[in-house]
């Protein structure tokens, strides 16, 4: 298995690079890597490159970069998931799995039946943690793009913002009573931008489902 690491774009500015301190620590102290071993570096924008370690010490790790490449590991279109805030570690798990599935954006929602309400002044720290989770998940699963993770908005505000976007955006809301199936929306062609709404543990209220209808969203049932 080739180990993969997310780095800033500026870290790949030349063929011979000194790796960032956090990556160097991981390689030298945790993985016990040696000169001559190969790793993969990616910047989260869709590209990656293989690199050969040329120096590994506790204080400094350097590498020689290969050619950049853009592997076809991501979804062909843009998939955003807007999900009601969940309790405890469930949120961490959801963000991890959505990253592994290749979503481009995760938006949290405050809905009528949302149970977990986090104070606004705590969200900055929580978002930092969740963004770290996306990084670790992308490194593990072979992804080359990192999703953006956004703090909670009320459902109505989110729908207004999404429908004001001049680019085509298809909105689907998961609803057990929905009249549509995904095949109705995704076949024969998949929309270039798809936003999937996931409700809280108690589901969306009838009023919230009406808001989705009002903006031209599709209420879809999984089965």
Protein backbone atom coordinates (compact mmCIF):
# COMPACT_ATOMS: atom_id res chain seq x y z
CA UNK A 1 0.00 0.00 0.00
CA UNK A 2 1.32 3.43 -0.99
CA UNK A 3 0.75 6.04 1.69
CA UNK A 4 -0.99 9.24 0.59
CA UNK A 5 -0.74 12.72 2.09
CA UNK A 6 -2.61 15.96 1.56
CA UNK A 7 -0.34 19.01 1.16
CA UNK A 8 -0.81 22.65 0.17
CA UNK A 9 -0.29 23.51 -3.51
CA UNK A 10 2.76 25.60 -2.69
CA UNK A 11 4.44 22.51 -1.23
CA UNK A 12 4.70 21.10 -4.77
CA UNK A 13 6.29 24.15 -6.34
CA UNK A 14 9.49 22.36 -7.47
CA UNK A 15 10.81 18.89 -8.27
CA UNK A 16 12.76 18.63 -5.00
CA UNK A 17 10.62 19.56 -2.00
CA UNK A 18 10.83 19.60 1.77
CA UNK A 19 7.64 18.09 3.13
CA UNK A 20 5.51 19.94 5.70
CA UNK A 21 6.26 19.27 9.37
CA UNK A 22 3.10 17.24 10.02
CA UNK A 23 3.73 14.96 7.02
CA UNK A 24 7.41 14.65 7.98
CA UNK A 25 6.50 13.59 11.52
CA UNK A 26 4.08 10.99 10.24
CA UNK A 27 6.65 9.54 7.85
CA UNK A 28 9.69 9.57 10.13
CA UNK A 29 8.21 8.81 13.55
CA UNK A 30 5.02 6.85 12.91
CA UNK A 31 5.60 5.02 9.62
CA UNK A 32 9.39 4.73 10.02
CA UNK A 33 9.82 5.46 6.32
CA UNK A 34 13.23 5.37 4.64
CA UNK A 35 14.85 7.11 1.70
CA UNK A 36 13.90 5.44 -1.58
CA UNK A 37 10.33 4.66 -0.57
CA UNK A 38 7.50 6.08 -2.66
CA UNK A 39 4.49 8.03 -1.47
CA UNK A 40 1.65 9.97 -3.15
CA UNK A 41 1.02 13.67 -2.53
CA UNK A 42 -2.23 15.43 -3.46
CA UNK A 43 -3.50 18.96 -2.96
CA UNK A 44 -7.27 18.41 -2.83
CA UNK A 45 -7.94 20.05 -6.21
CA UNK A 46 -8.18 16.90 -8.33
CA UNK A 47 -4.54 16.11 -9.04
CA UNK A 48 -1.82 14.07 -7.37
CA UNK A 49 1.77 13.02 -7.96
CA UNK A 50 4.01 10.18 -6.89
CA UNK A 51 7.12 11.15 -4.95
CA UNK A 52 10.31 9.34 -3.95
CA UNK A 53 11.70 10.07 -0.51
CA UNK A 54 15.29 11.31 -0.74
CA UNK A 55 15.97 12.15 2.92
CA UNK A 56 14.18 10.99 6.07
CA UNK A 57 15.30 12.31 9.46
CA UNK A 58 13.34 13.27 12.60
CA UNK A 59 13.91 16.91 11.74
CA UNK A 60 13.48 16.94 7.95
CA UNK A 61 12.01 14.89 5.12
CA UNK A 62 12.59 15.66 1.45
CA UNK A 63 11.21 14.07 -1.71
CA UNK A 64 11.64 14.12 -5.49
CA UNK A 65 8.35 14.62 -7.31
CA UNK A 66 7.13 12.75 -10.37
CA UNK A 67 4.69 13.99 -12.99
CA UNK A 68 1.32 15.29 -11.86
CA UNK A 69 -1.72 13.26 -12.83
CA UNK A 70 -5.49 13.57 -12.52
CA UNK A 71 -6.87 10.09 -11.75
CA UNK A 72 -10.50 9.39 -12.61
CA UNK A 73 -11.50 8.58 -9.04
CA UNK A 74 -14.12 11.29 -8.49
CA UNK A 75 -17.75 11.62 -9.52
CA UNK A 76 -18.25 13.14 -12.97
CA UNK A 77 -20.64 15.78 -11.62
CA UNK A 78 -20.94 17.86 -8.46
CA UNK A 79 -22.79 16.18 -5.60
CA UNK A 80 -23.69 18.20 -2.51
CA UNK A 81 -25.34 16.72 0.57
CA UNK A 82 -27.35 18.90 2.95
CA UNK A 83 -28.06 16.98 6.13
CA UNK A 84 -29.73 17.86 9.43
CA UNK A 85 -27.32 18.13 12.36
CA UNK A 86 -26.95 14.81 14.17
CA UNK A 87 -26.03 14.02 17.74
CA UNK A 88 -22.56 13.19 19.02
CA UNK A 89 -20.09 11.24 16.90
CA UNK A 90 -22.69 10.42 14.24
CA UNK A 91 -21.75 13.65 12.51
CA UNK A 92 -18.08 12.62 12.32
CA UNK A 93 -19.04 9.27 10.82
CA UNK A 94 -21.33 10.85 8.21
CA UNK A 95 -18.66 13.32 7.07
CA UNK A 96 -16.09 10.53 6.81
CA UNK A 97 -18.35 8.33 4.68
CA UNK A 98 -19.53 11.18 2.45
CA UNK A 99 -15.90 12.05 1.75
CA UNK A 100 -15.19 8.44 0.82
CA UNK A 101 -18.18 8.51 -1.55
CA UNK A 102 -16.82 11.59 -3.32
CA UNK A 103 -19.24 14.39 -2.42
CA UNK A 104 -18.08 17.91 -3.20
CA UNK A 105 -19.88 19.75 -0.40
CA UNK A 106 -21.50 18.96 2.96
CA UNK A 107 -23.99 21.50 4.33
CA UNK A 108 -25.53 21.04 7.77
CA UNK A 109 -29.14 22.05 8.35
CA UNK A 110 -31.23 23.22 11.27
CA UNK A 111 -34.72 21.78 10.80
CA UNK A 112 -37.87 21.73 12.90
CA UNK A 113 -37.10 18.27 14.29
CA UNK A 114 -33.35 18.70 14.66
CA UNK A 115 -32.42 17.34 18.09
CA UNK A 116 -28.73 18.28 18.33
CA UNK A 117 -28.32 22.05 18.62
CA UNK A 118 -24.75 23.31 18.99
CA UNK A 119 -24.00 26.85 20.09
CA UNK A 120 -22.81 29.07 17.25
CA UNK A 121 -19.53 29.91 19.00
CA UNK A 122 -18.60 26.22 19.02
CA UNK A 123 -19.08 25.58 15.33
CA UNK A 124 -15.76 27.05 14.20
CA UNK A 125 -13.85 24.49 16.25
CA UNK A 126 -16.20 21.71 15.24
CA UNK A 127 -15.80 22.54 11.55
CA UNK A 128 -12.02 22.45 11.91
CA UNK A 129 -12.33 18.95 13.32
CA UNK A 130 -14.68 17.82 10.55
CA UNK A 131 -12.36 19.25 7.88
CA UNK A 132 -9.53 17.19 9.39
CA UNK A 133 -11.76 14.13 9.09
CA UNK A 134 -12.27 14.83 5.36
CA UNK A 135 -8.51 15.04 4.96
CA UNK A 136 -7.87 11.72 6.69
CA UNK A 137 -10.69 10.03 4.78
CA UNK A 138 -9.40 11.26 1.40
CA UNK A 139 -5.88 10.10 2.23
CA UNK A 140 -7.20 6.62 3.08
CA UNK A 141 -9.69 6.10 0.26
CA UNK A 142 -7.67 7.44 -2.69
CA UNK A 143 -9.74 10.56 -3.33
CA UNK A 144 -8.10 13.63 -4.82
CA UNK A 145 -10.69 16.27 -3.92
CA UNK A 146 -11.73 17.44 -0.47
CA UNK A 147 -15.36 18.39 0.16
CA UNK A 148 -16.13 21.72 1.77
CA UNK A 149 -17.97 21.42 5.08
CA UNK A 150 -20.31 24.27 6.05
CA UNK A 151 -21.98 25.12 9.36
CA UNK A 152 -25.74 24.86 9.81
CA UNK A 153 -28.36 26.93 8.02
CA UNK A 154 -32.11 26.87 8.36
CA UNK A 155 -33.66 24.78 5.59
CA UNK A 156 -35.57 27.70 4.07
CA UNK A 157 -32.46 29.87 3.84
CA UNK A 158 -30.51 27.04 2.27
CA UNK A 159 -33.16 26.40 -0.38
CA UNK A 160 -33.32 30.10 -1.27
CA UNK A 161 -29.54 30.23 -1.67
CA UNK A 162 -29.39 27.09 -3.80
CA UNK A 163 -32.13 28.19 -6.19
CA UNK A 164 -30.50 31.59 -6.71
CA UNK A 165 -27.39 29.92 -8.12
CA UNK A 166 -27.26 30.66 -11.86
CA UNK A 167 -25.76 27.22 -12.58
CA UNK A 168 -28.12 24.31 -13.07
CA UNK A 169 -28.76 22.58 -9.75
CA UNK A 170 -31.13 19.63 -9.28
CA UNK A 171 -32.46 19.29 -5.71
CA UNK A 172 -33.62 15.92 -4.41
CA UNK A 173 -35.12 15.44 -0.96
CA UNK A 174 -35.18 12.00 0.64
CA UNK A 175 -38.80 11.34 1.59
CA UNK A 176 -40.33 7.88 2.20
CA UNK A 177 -43.63 9.16 0.80
CA UNK A 178 -42.02 10.88 -2.19
CA UNK A 179 -43.63 10.33 -5.61
CA UNK A 180 -40.30 9.94 -7.44
CA UNK A 181 -37.49 7.38 -7.59
CA UNK A 182 -33.88 8.21 -8.30
CA UNK A 183 -34.13 6.60 -11.72
CA UNK A 184 -36.70 9.28 -12.61
CA UNK A 185 -34.09 11.96 -11.95
CA UNK A 186 -30.81 10.30 -12.94
CA UNK A 187 -31.83 8.38 -16.08
CA UNK A 188 -31.02 8.71 -18.94
CA UNK A 189 -28.57 11.50 -18.02
CA UNK A 190 -27.23 12.51 -14.63
CA UNK A 191 -27.53 16.24 -13.86
CA UNK A 192 -24.18 18.09 -13.65
CA UNK A 193 -25.03 19.39 -10.17
CA UNK A 194 -27.13 17.44 -7.68
CA UNK A 195 -28.05 18.48 -4.13
CA UNK A 196 -29.38 15.76 -1.85
CA UNK A 197 -31.42 16.75 1.24
CA UNK A 198 -31.39 14.41 4.25
CA UNK A 199 -33.68 15.13 7.18
CA UNK A 200 -33.26 14.63 10.93
CA UNK A 201 -34.09 11.45 12.82
CA UNK A 202 -37.77 12.41 12.87
CA UNK A 203 -37.84 13.36 9.20
CA UNK A 204 -38.83 16.61 7.53
CA UNK A 205 -42.16 18.13 8.55
CA UNK A 206 -44.96 18.54 5.97
CA UNK A 207 -44.24 22.27 5.94
CA UNK A 208 -40.59 21.66 5.12
CA UNK A 209 -41.50 19.24 2.35
CA UNK A 210 -43.77 21.95 0.94
CA UNK A 211 -40.76 24.31 0.91
CA UNK A 212 -38.90 21.78 -1.22
CA UNK A 213 -41.86 21.57 -3.61
CA UNK A 214 -42.03 25.37 -3.82
CA UNK A 215 -38.47 25.65 -5.17
CA UNK A 216 -38.95 22.86 -7.72
CA UNK A 217 -37.21 20.14 -5.73
CA UNK A 218 -37.94 16.44 -6.23
CA UNK A 219 -39.08 14.32 -3.29
CA UNK A 220 -37.61 10.86 -3.85
CA UNK A 221 -38.08 7.55 -2.03
CA UNK A 222 -35.27 5.00 -1.92
CA UNK A 223 -37.55 1.99 -2.11
